[in-house]
Protein backbone atom coordinates (compact mmCIF):
# COMPACT_ATOMS: atom_id res chain seq x y z
CA MET A 1 14.21 -12.76 -42.06
CA VAL A 2 11.56 -12.03 -39.59
CA THR A 3 10.99 -14.53 -37.32
CA TRP A 4 7.49 -15.21 -36.03
CA ILE A 5 8.83 -14.25 -32.47
CA GLN A 6 10.36 -10.97 -33.68
CA LYS A 7 6.17 -10.06 -35.11
CA LEU A 8 5.30 -11.15 -31.33
CA TRP A 9 7.63 -8.36 -30.28
CA ASP A 10 6.66 -5.71 -31.99
CA LYS A 11 3.31 -5.48 -30.30
CA LYS A 12 4.20 -4.85 -26.35
CA THR A 13 1.54 -6.88 -24.59
CA SER A 14 0.95 -10.01 -23.29
CA GLN A 15 -1.04 -12.81 -25.55
CA VAL A 16 -2.93 -13.90 -22.34
CA GLY A 17 -3.12 -11.00 -20.42
CA HIS A 18 -6.91 -10.32 -21.58
CA PHE A 19 -8.07 -13.62 -20.28
CA LEU A 20 -6.92 -12.51 -16.16
CA ALA A 21 -9.59 -9.60 -16.91
CA TRP A 22 -11.96 -11.68 -18.50
CA ASN A 23 -15.89 -10.56 -17.63
CA GLN A 24 -14.23 -8.43 -15.12
CA VAL A 25 -12.98 -5.47 -17.50
CA GLY A 26 -13.59 -2.25 -15.85
CA ARG A 27 -15.10 -3.82 -12.28
CA PRO A 28 -13.57 -3.55 -9.03
CA VAL A 29 -12.21 -6.69 -7.77
CA TRP A 30 -12.73 -7.61 -3.77
CA THR A 31 -10.22 -9.41 -2.14
CA PRO A 32 -10.18 -13.02 -1.49
CA ARG A 33 -10.44 -13.00 2.30
CA GLN A 34 -11.46 -9.96 4.70
CA TYR A 35 -8.40 -7.71 5.72
CA ASP A 36 -10.41 -6.74 8.81
CA ALA A 37 -11.34 -10.58 9.86
CA LEU A 38 -7.80 -11.31 9.23
CA THR A 39 -6.56 -8.41 11.30
CA GLU A 40 -8.63 -8.60 14.45
CA GLU A 41 -7.95 -12.32 14.70
CA GLY A 42 -4.39 -12.61 14.03
CA TYR A 43 -3.14 -9.13 14.73
CA GLN A 44 -5.18 -7.84 17.58
CA LYS A 45 -6.10 -10.88 19.14
CA ASN A 46 -2.89 -12.99 18.80
CA VAL A 47 0.41 -11.80 20.67
CA ILE A 48 2.66 -13.92 18.63
CA VAL A 49 1.71 -12.14 15.17
CA PHE A 50 1.38 -9.05 17.11
CA ARG A 51 5.20 -9.71 18.03
CA CYS A 52 6.11 -10.74 14.47
CA VAL A 53 4.74 -7.72 12.70
CA ASN A 54 5.87 -5.09 14.62
CA LEU A 55 9.23 -6.64 14.95
CA ILE A 56 9.61 -6.83 11.21
CA ALA A 57 8.08 -3.59 10.41
CA ARG A 58 10.27 -1.73 13.05
CA ASN A 59 13.48 -3.40 11.25
CA VAL A 60 12.54 -2.58 7.88
CA ALA A 61 12.01 1.11 8.90
CA THR A 62 15.24 1.09 10.66
CA PRO A 63 18.05 1.62 8.08
CA PRO A 64 18.43 5.13 6.32
CA TRP A 65 17.87 5.20 2.77
CA ILE A 66 20.77 6.85 0.92
CA LEU A 67 20.12 8.45 -2.76
CA TYR A 68 22.49 7.63 -5.76
CA GLN A 69 23.05 9.17 -8.95
CA GLY A 70 25.10 6.62 -10.32
CA ASP A 71 27.74 5.58 -7.83
CA GLN A 72 27.97 8.92 -6.38
CA GLU A 73 25.68 9.64 -3.07
CA MET A 74 23.40 12.39 -3.36
CA ASP A 75 23.88 14.62 0.21
CA SER A 76 20.81 17.02 -1.02
CA HIS A 77 17.69 16.24 -3.32
CA PRO A 78 13.96 16.40 -3.88
CA LEU A 79 13.84 12.90 -3.59
CA ARG A 80 15.94 12.32 -0.16
CA THR A 81 13.72 15.03 1.31
CA LEU A 82 10.36 13.43 -0.08
CA MET A 83 11.53 9.65 1.56
CA GLU A 84 12.65 11.62 4.77
CA TYR A 85 9.11 13.20 5.36
CA PRO A 86 6.74 11.25 2.94
CA ASN A 87 4.07 13.42 4.21
CA PRO A 88 3.15 16.17 6.82
CA LEU A 89 1.82 13.51 9.19
CA GLN A 90 4.82 10.90 8.81
CA THR A 91 8.40 10.65 9.14
CA ARG A 92 10.34 7.83 6.81
CA THR A 93 10.48 5.31 9.86
CA ALA A 94 6.85 5.83 10.42
CA PHE A 95 5.69 5.45 6.85
CA LEU A 96 7.78 2.45 6.36
CA GLU A 97 6.92 1.07 9.35
CA ALA A 98 2.98 1.07 8.26
CA LEU A 99 3.66 0.10 5.03
CA ALA A 100 5.58 -3.07 5.90
CA SER A 101 2.68 -3.67 9.08
CA ASN A 102 0.24 -3.83 5.76
CA ILE A 103 2.27 -5.89 3.78
CA LEU A 104 2.55 -8.33 6.74
CA LEU A 105 -0.92 -8.57 7.47
CA SER A 106 -3.11 -8.38 4.36
CA GLY A 107 -0.23 -9.11 1.81
CA ASN A 108 -1.26 -5.86 -0.12
CA ALA A 109 -0.05 -2.31 0.64
CA TYR A 110 -1.03 0.91 -1.40
CA VAL A 111 1.07 4.45 -1.73
CA GLU A 112 -0.33 7.05 -3.35
CA ALA A 113 1.71 9.60 -4.90
CA VAL A 114 0.75 13.43 -4.80
CA GLY A 115 2.54 15.97 -6.73
CA GLU A 116 2.47 19.02 -9.21
CA ALA A 117 3.94 19.97 -12.26
CA GLY A 118 5.15 16.62 -13.14
CA TYR A 119 6.86 16.24 -9.50
CA VAL A 120 5.90 14.14 -6.58
CA LYS A 121 5.78 16.22 -3.56
CA GLU A 122 4.25 13.71 -1.00
CA LEU A 123 3.53 10.03 -0.32
CA TYR A 124 0.17 8.76 1.46
CA LEU A 125 -0.25 5.20 2.51
CA LEU A 126 -3.80 3.84 1.96
CA ARG A 127 -5.65 1.32 4.09
CA SER A 128 -5.38 -2.26 2.19
CA ASP A 129 -9.36 -2.81 3.12
CA ARG A 130 -10.49 0.29 1.32
CA MET A 131 -8.78 -0.18 -1.76
CA GLN A 132 -10.10 -2.46 -4.96
CA VAL A 133 -8.00 -2.95 -7.80
CA VAL A 134 -10.06 -2.76 -11.08
CA PRO A 135 -8.78 -4.76 -14.03
CA GLY A 136 -7.71 -3.77 -17.36
CA ARG A 137 -8.02 -5.71 -21.25
CA ASP A 138 -4.29 -6.24 -20.98
CA GLY A 139 -4.09 -8.15 -17.58
CA LEU A 140 -2.88 -5.01 -16.06
CA PRO A 141 -5.08 -2.51 -13.85
CA GLN A 142 -6.47 0.04 -15.44
CA GLY A 143 -7.61 1.92 -12.25
CA TYR A 144 -8.14 1.70 -8.24
CA VAL A 145 -11.19 2.39 -6.33
CA TYR A 146 -11.04 3.78 -2.86
CA GLN A 147 -13.76 3.44 -0.60
CA VAL A 148 -14.88 5.12 2.74
CA SER A 149 -18.22 5.11 4.53
CA GLY A 150 -19.98 4.69 1.37
CA GLN A 151 -17.81 7.10 -0.55
CA LYS A 152 -16.11 5.80 -3.74
CA ARG A 153 -13.02 7.31 -5.29
CA LEU A 154 -11.76 5.87 -8.84
CA ILE A 155 -7.68 6.69 -9.18
CA PRO A 156 -7.34 6.33 -13.10
CA VAL A 157 -4.04 4.50 -14.25
CA ASP A 158 -2.45 5.90 -17.65
CA LEU A 159 -2.41 3.40 -19.52
CA ALA A 160 -0.97 5.00 -22.41
CA ARG A 161 2.30 5.65 -20.47
CA LYS A 162 2.02 3.01 -18.07
CA LYS A 163 1.79 5.61 -15.20
CA SER A 164 -0.29 5.38 -11.81
CA PRO A 165 -0.67 7.21 -9.12
CA ILE A 166 -0.94 4.12 -6.80
CA LEU A 167 1.80 2.03 -5.93
CA HIS A 168 0.50 -1.50 -5.33
CA LEU A 169 2.88 -3.79 -3.45
CA LYS A 170 1.97 -7.51 -2.89
CA THR A 171 3.23 -10.97 -1.98
CA PHE A 172 3.05 -13.84 -4.01
CA HIS A 173 -0.51 -15.63 -4.47
CA PRO A 174 -0.75 -18.50 -6.00
CA LEU A 175 -4.42 -18.11 -6.98
CA ASN A 176 -5.36 -14.82 -7.28
CA ASP A 177 -4.04 -12.37 -10.00
CA TRP A 178 -5.01 -9.09 -8.68
CA TYR A 179 -3.96 -9.19 -4.83
CA GLY A 180 -1.34 -10.67 -2.79
CA MET A 181 -1.75 -13.35 -0.09
CA SER A 182 -0.78 -12.58 3.78
CA PRO A 183 1.36 -14.96 5.76
CA VAL A 184 -2.05 -14.54 8.56
CA GLU A 185 -3.23 -16.73 5.83
CA ALA A 186 -0.85 -19.16 6.07
CA ALA A 187 -0.86 -19.22 9.51
CA ALA A 188 -4.57 -19.29 10.10
CA SER A 189 -4.91 -22.75 11.82
CA ALA A 190 -1.83 -22.29 14.01
CA ILE A 191 -3.53 -18.91 14.65
CA ASP A 192 -6.73 -20.47 15.67
CA GLN A 193 -5.29 -23.08 17.94
CA HIS A 194 -3.49 -20.47 19.60
CA ASN A 195 -6.26 -17.97 20.27
CA ALA A 196 -8.20 -21.46 21.69
CA VAL A 197 -5.68 -22.28 24.09
CA GLY A 198 -5.35 -19.03 25.21
CA GLY A 199 -9.21 -18.62 25.40
CA HIS A 200 -9.52 -21.65 27.47
CA ASN A 201 -7.20 -20.94 30.24
CA LEU A 202 -8.65 -17.69 30.69
CA ALA A 203 -12.31 -19.48 30.83
CA LEU A 204 -10.90 -22.19 33.15
CA LEU A 205 -9.48 -19.10 35.32
CA GLN A 206 -12.52 -17.07 35.21
CA ASN A 207 -14.09 -20.60 36.25
CA GLY A 208 -12.03 -20.79 39.73
CA GLY A 209 -9.46 -23.52 37.98
CA ARG A 210 -11.91 -26.05 37.54
CA PRO A 211 -12.96 -28.14 34.71
CA THR A 212 -16.20 -28.54 33.55
CA GLY A 213 -18.88 -31.22 35.04
CA ALA A 214 -22.22 -32.26 35.54
CA LEU A 215 -24.39 -32.54 38.43
CA MET A 216 -25.66 -36.46 38.53
CA VAL A 217 -29.33 -36.95 40.23
CA LYS A 218 -29.86 -40.30 41.51
CA SER A 219 -32.98 -42.31 41.49
CA SER A 220 -35.16 -42.70 43.97
CA GLU A 221 -38.56 -43.54 44.71
CA ARG A 222 -39.76 -39.68 44.14
CA ARG A 223 -37.79 -39.52 41.03
CA PRO A 224 -37.53 -42.83 39.39
CA GLY A 225 -35.00 -42.41 36.77
CA GLY A 226 -33.33 -39.88 38.55
CA ASN A 227 -35.71 -37.40 36.15
CA LEU A 228 -36.01 -33.86 37.18
CA SER A 229 -38.57 -31.43 36.23
CA ASP A 230 -38.19 -28.63 34.13
CA LEU A 231 -38.44 -26.20 36.75
CA GLN A 232 -36.47 -28.17 38.86
CA ARG A 233 -33.81 -28.04 36.46
CA LYS A 234 -33.66 -24.39 35.85
CA SER A 235 -33.59 -24.12 39.28
CA LEU A 236 -30.30 -25.98 39.94
CA GLN A 237 -28.82 -24.39 37.28
CA GLU A 238 -28.98 -21.13 38.51
CA SER A 239 -28.13 -21.93 42.02
CA VAL A 240 -24.60 -23.36 40.69
CA ARG A 241 -23.94 -20.67 38.63
CA ASN A 242 -24.54 -17.75 41.04
CA PHE A 243 -22.70 -19.25 43.99
CA TYR A 244 -19.71 -21.53 42.35
CA GLU A 245 -18.87 -19.58 38.63
CA GLY A 246 -16.48 -17.14 38.02
CA PHE A 247 -12.79 -16.49 39.75
CA GLU A 248 -14.54 -14.74 42.85
CA ASN A 249 -16.18 -17.83 43.93
CA SER A 250 -12.90 -19.54 43.58
CA GLY A 251 -12.12 -22.56 46.21
CA ARG A 252 -15.74 -22.48 47.44
CA ILE A 253 -17.07 -25.55 48.60
CA MET A 254 -20.00 -27.09 46.72
CA VAL A 255 -22.73 -28.51 48.80
CA LEU A 256 -25.09 -30.99 47.15
CA GLU A 257 -28.46 -31.82 48.66
CA GLY A 258 -30.29 -34.72 48.37
CA ASP A 259 -29.65 -37.73 45.84
CA LEU A 260 -27.17 -35.41 43.92
CA ASP A 261 -23.36 -36.42 42.66
CA TRP A 262 -20.32 -34.40 41.02
CA LYS A 263 -19.27 -36.05 37.95
CA GLU A 264 -16.17 -34.71 36.44
CA MET A 265 -16.44 -34.57 32.61
CA GLY A 266 -13.77 -32.19 31.23
CA LEU A 267 -9.87 -33.18 31.22
CA SER A 268 -7.23 -31.61 33.07
CA PRO A 269 -4.94 -29.12 31.58
CA LYS A 270 -2.11 -31.40 32.23
CA ASP A 271 -4.10 -34.22 30.19
CA LEU A 272 -4.56 -32.08 27.32
CA ASP A 273 -0.63 -30.64 27.43
CA PHE A 274 -2.10 -26.98 26.42
CA ILE A 275 1.47 -25.42 27.45
CA GLU A 276 3.21 -27.94 24.95
CA GLY A 277 0.38 -26.98 22.41
CA LYS A 278 0.20 -23.25 22.65
CA ASN A 279 4.27 -23.44 22.06
CA LEU A 280 3.65 -25.38 19.21
CA SER A 281 1.37 -22.90 17.44
CA ALA A 282 3.47 -20.36 18.60
CA ARG A 283 5.99 -21.84 16.42
CA GLU A 284 4.18 -22.56 13.53
CA ILE A 285 2.88 -18.86 13.29
CA ALA A 286 6.54 -17.66 13.83
CA GLN A 287 7.71 -20.03 10.62
CA ALA A 288 5.17 -17.85 8.86
CA TYR A 289 6.73 -14.98 9.36
CA GLY A 290 10.52 -16.20 9.55
CA VAL A 291 11.11 -14.96 12.63
CA PRO A 292 13.21 -17.23 14.95
CA PRO A 293 11.04 -18.52 17.74
CA MET A 294 13.35 -17.34 20.39
CA LEU A 295 12.71 -14.05 19.32
CA VAL A 296 8.93 -14.08 20.66
CA GLY A 297 9.70 -15.93 23.69
CA VAL A 298 9.07 -19.37 22.68
CA PRO A 299 10.75 -21.64 25.30
CA GLY A 300 12.87 -24.57 24.66
CA ASP A 301 13.69 -23.58 20.95
CA ALA A 302 17.30 -24.37 20.72
CA THR A 303 17.69 -23.90 16.49
CA PHE A 304 19.72 -20.68 17.24
CA ALA A 305 23.04 -20.67 19.29
CA ASN A 306 22.07 -17.68 20.81
CA TYR A 307 19.92 -14.54 20.67
CA ARG A 308 22.49 -12.53 18.52
CA GLU A 309 22.69 -15.32 15.85
CA ALA A 310 19.11 -15.46 15.49
CA ARG A 311 18.86 -11.71 14.88
CA PHE A 312 21.30 -12.17 12.35
CA HIS A 313 18.72 -14.90 10.87
CA LEU A 314 15.84 -12.96 11.13
CA TRP A 315 17.73 -9.96 8.90
CA GLU A 316 19.47 -12.12 6.18
CA ASP A 317 16.46 -14.52 5.78
CA THR A 318 13.41 -11.49 6.63
CA VAL A 319 14.06 -8.17 6.97
CA LEU A 320 16.23 -7.54 4.21
CA PRO A 321 14.45 -9.87 1.32
CA LEU A 322 11.23 -7.66 2.34
CA LEU A 323 13.47 -4.04 2.57
CA ASN A 324 14.84 -5.04 -0.95
CA MET A 325 11.23 -5.57 -2.46
CA ILE A 326 10.19 -2.18 -0.83
CA MET A 327 12.73 -0.32 -2.27
CA ASN A 328 13.08 -1.71 -5.71
CA GLU A 329 9.35 -1.22 -5.87
CA ILE A 330 9.87 2.53 -4.96
CA ASN A 331 12.51 3.00 -7.27
CA GLY A 332 10.91 1.53 -10.08
CA TRP A 333 7.71 3.50 -9.30
CA LEU A 334 9.39 6.96 -8.79
CA MET A 335 12.39 7.37 -10.65
CA GLY A 336 11.00 7.70 -14.10
CA SER A 337 9.33 10.74 -13.18
CA GLN A 338 12.04 12.43 -11.23
CA GLY A 339 15.08 11.99 -12.98
CA GLU A 340 17.32 9.47 -14.78
CA ASN A 341 19.98 7.12 -13.12
CA LEU A 342 18.74 7.70 -9.76
CA ARG A 343 18.27 5.35 -7.19
CA PHE A 344 17.63 4.65 -3.32
CA SER A 345 19.71 1.98 -1.42
CA TYR A 346 21.11 1.74 1.89
CA ASP A 347 24.31 0.38 4.00
CA ALA A 348 23.66 -3.14 4.94
CA ASP A 349 27.43 -2.74 7.02
CA SER A 350 25.64 -0.22 9.23
CA ILE A 351 23.11 -2.54 10.33
CA PRO A 352 23.90 -3.66 14.18
CA ALA A 353 22.69 -7.08 13.73
CA MET A 354 24.53 -7.95 10.55
CA ALA A 355 27.90 -7.68 12.61
CA LEU A 356 28.29 -11.68 11.99
CA ARG A 357 28.20 -10.83 8.35
CA GLN A 358 31.08 -8.81 8.88
CA GLU A 359 33.20 -10.46 11.14
CA ALA A 360 33.31 -13.77 9.27
CA GLN A 361 34.14 -11.44 6.01
CA TRP A 362 37.07 -9.85 8.02
CA ALA A 363 37.91 -13.46 9.28
CA ARG A 364 38.38 -15.13 5.55
CA LEU A 365 39.97 -11.88 4.43
CA GLU A 366 42.46 -11.92 7.31
CA ASN A 367 43.13 -15.67 6.50
CA ALA A 368 43.96 -14.85 2.94
CA SER A 369 47.51 -15.31 2.68
CA PHE A 370 47.29 -14.53 -0.91
CA LEU A 371 46.33 -10.84 -0.93
CA THR A 372 47.85 -7.98 0.08
CA VAL A 373 47.03 -5.56 3.17
CA ASN A 374 45.89 -3.21 0.48
CA GLU A 375 43.72 -5.16 -1.23
CA LYS A 376 42.57 -6.45 1.67
CA ARG A 377 41.54 -3.14 2.78
CA GLN A 378 40.10 -2.79 -0.18
CA ALA A 379 37.99 -5.16 -0.23
CA VAL A 380 36.10 -3.59 2.88
CA GLY A 381 36.09 -0.18 1.82
CA TYR A 382 39.38 1.39 3.49
CA SER A 383 42.15 3.15 1.70
CA PRO A 384 45.49 2.08 0.99
CA VAL A 385 48.34 2.42 2.99
CA LYS A 386 52.12 2.87 2.62
CA GLY A 387 53.70 -0.37 2.37
CA GLY A 388 50.62 -2.74 1.77
CA ASN A 389 51.27 -3.61 -1.14
CA THR A 390 53.69 -6.72 -0.82
CA LEU A 391 52.69 -10.04 0.02
CA PRO A 392 53.33 -11.56 3.64
CA LEU A 393 56.82 -13.53 3.70
CA GLU A 394 55.29 -17.13 4.65
CA THR A 395 52.71 -16.97 1.38
CA THR A 396 53.18 -20.04 -0.39
CA LYS A 397 53.59 -20.83 -4.34
CA LYS A 398 50.33 -22.54 -3.78
CA ASP A 399 48.50 -19.76 -2.42
CA LEU A 400 50.07 -17.47 -5.48
CA TYR A 401 48.84 -19.84 -7.83
CA PHE A 402 45.57 -19.96 -6.28
CA LYS A 403 45.42 -16.11 -6.55
CA ASP A 404 46.33 -16.27 -10.05
CA ASN A 405 43.77 -18.48 -11.37
CA ILE A 406 40.94 -17.79 -9.03
CA ILE A 407 39.24 -15.81 -11.86
CA LYS A 408 39.38 -18.79 -14.02
CA GLY A 409 37.88 -20.95 -10.99
CA GLU A 410 40.80 -23.14 -11.06
CA ARG A 411 42.15 -24.78 -7.51
CA PRO A 412 45.56 -25.82 -6.76
């Protein structure tokens, strides 16, 4: 008997996919927010975003990629060479650092595969602000449009084989079907606040460290109500600007003639607590990127016991998930055309920042009295030794019971 769900499976297509491209089939779709504006305000003008992006991206590019066929490591293979030297202009580290930076700044990254005779020979990273997705009828892209200086190039997707020369990596976006969401968007308010405080402090420094104020004109017989003519007001403003504004005029004594008085109008930096406000916005930016604040130089943050622990959590919570996402996407995209049962991986134990995890694992194994020496060595990847198959003399019946029933989930 054929059920209704089996009938649906006979046609491998989404039941709602065509809704995603409603009135957009064949027409490029722009990103919801301009990548260049986000990059300029966030990355180029904000030191915290710059530090977070570079810290994550450079760490993502650090671990060597290992090619496996099944469980066997491949010492020499065209794919291994491809990833070490993706194109004539970049090595693996430079390529992956730029790729990760694109994801962290725009939420999107595009990789173009160039090859011949069915094999990929080179990989190129394309700028996110120049790329547009062309929606297809089934809710999948039918192509990509790359635009440079008014010149457009359509890169089609082979819908029949579900193959594309473009790999589109993107983060989750709750309100967009085609593009990812940048962490800069989530931290936009904190970035604006951080930039505004920096701009205020710079303007205050250039103004000799003095807050804003006003010249008050007292009322007199010649000036009832203290009113100045337009010419007098303009002349007074130019005199103050020329002689007292700017950091080079810092400390110059202001001389007021006639019935003039100086009235402070700006609050002091202490009153507005700019320093703490700037640190607070810096913490929010670091949180959006998943970077412990102490790693970006924010003082007074005691979330982690020391710098080493903060680096461990950066790798555990941020770097490795991003690296896994990039590696899995590239594996799924490349391996179908290059051969079967091939995959890229990396050795997490070789990463210095992950030493805390290794030490914790070794400590647990060392204290596991129900394991033999060889079982402990096997757990950490070492070969057995002679005489290592006996349990320690102090092993109790409770330990043996635990060892025999651990698979069942039982406890003594």
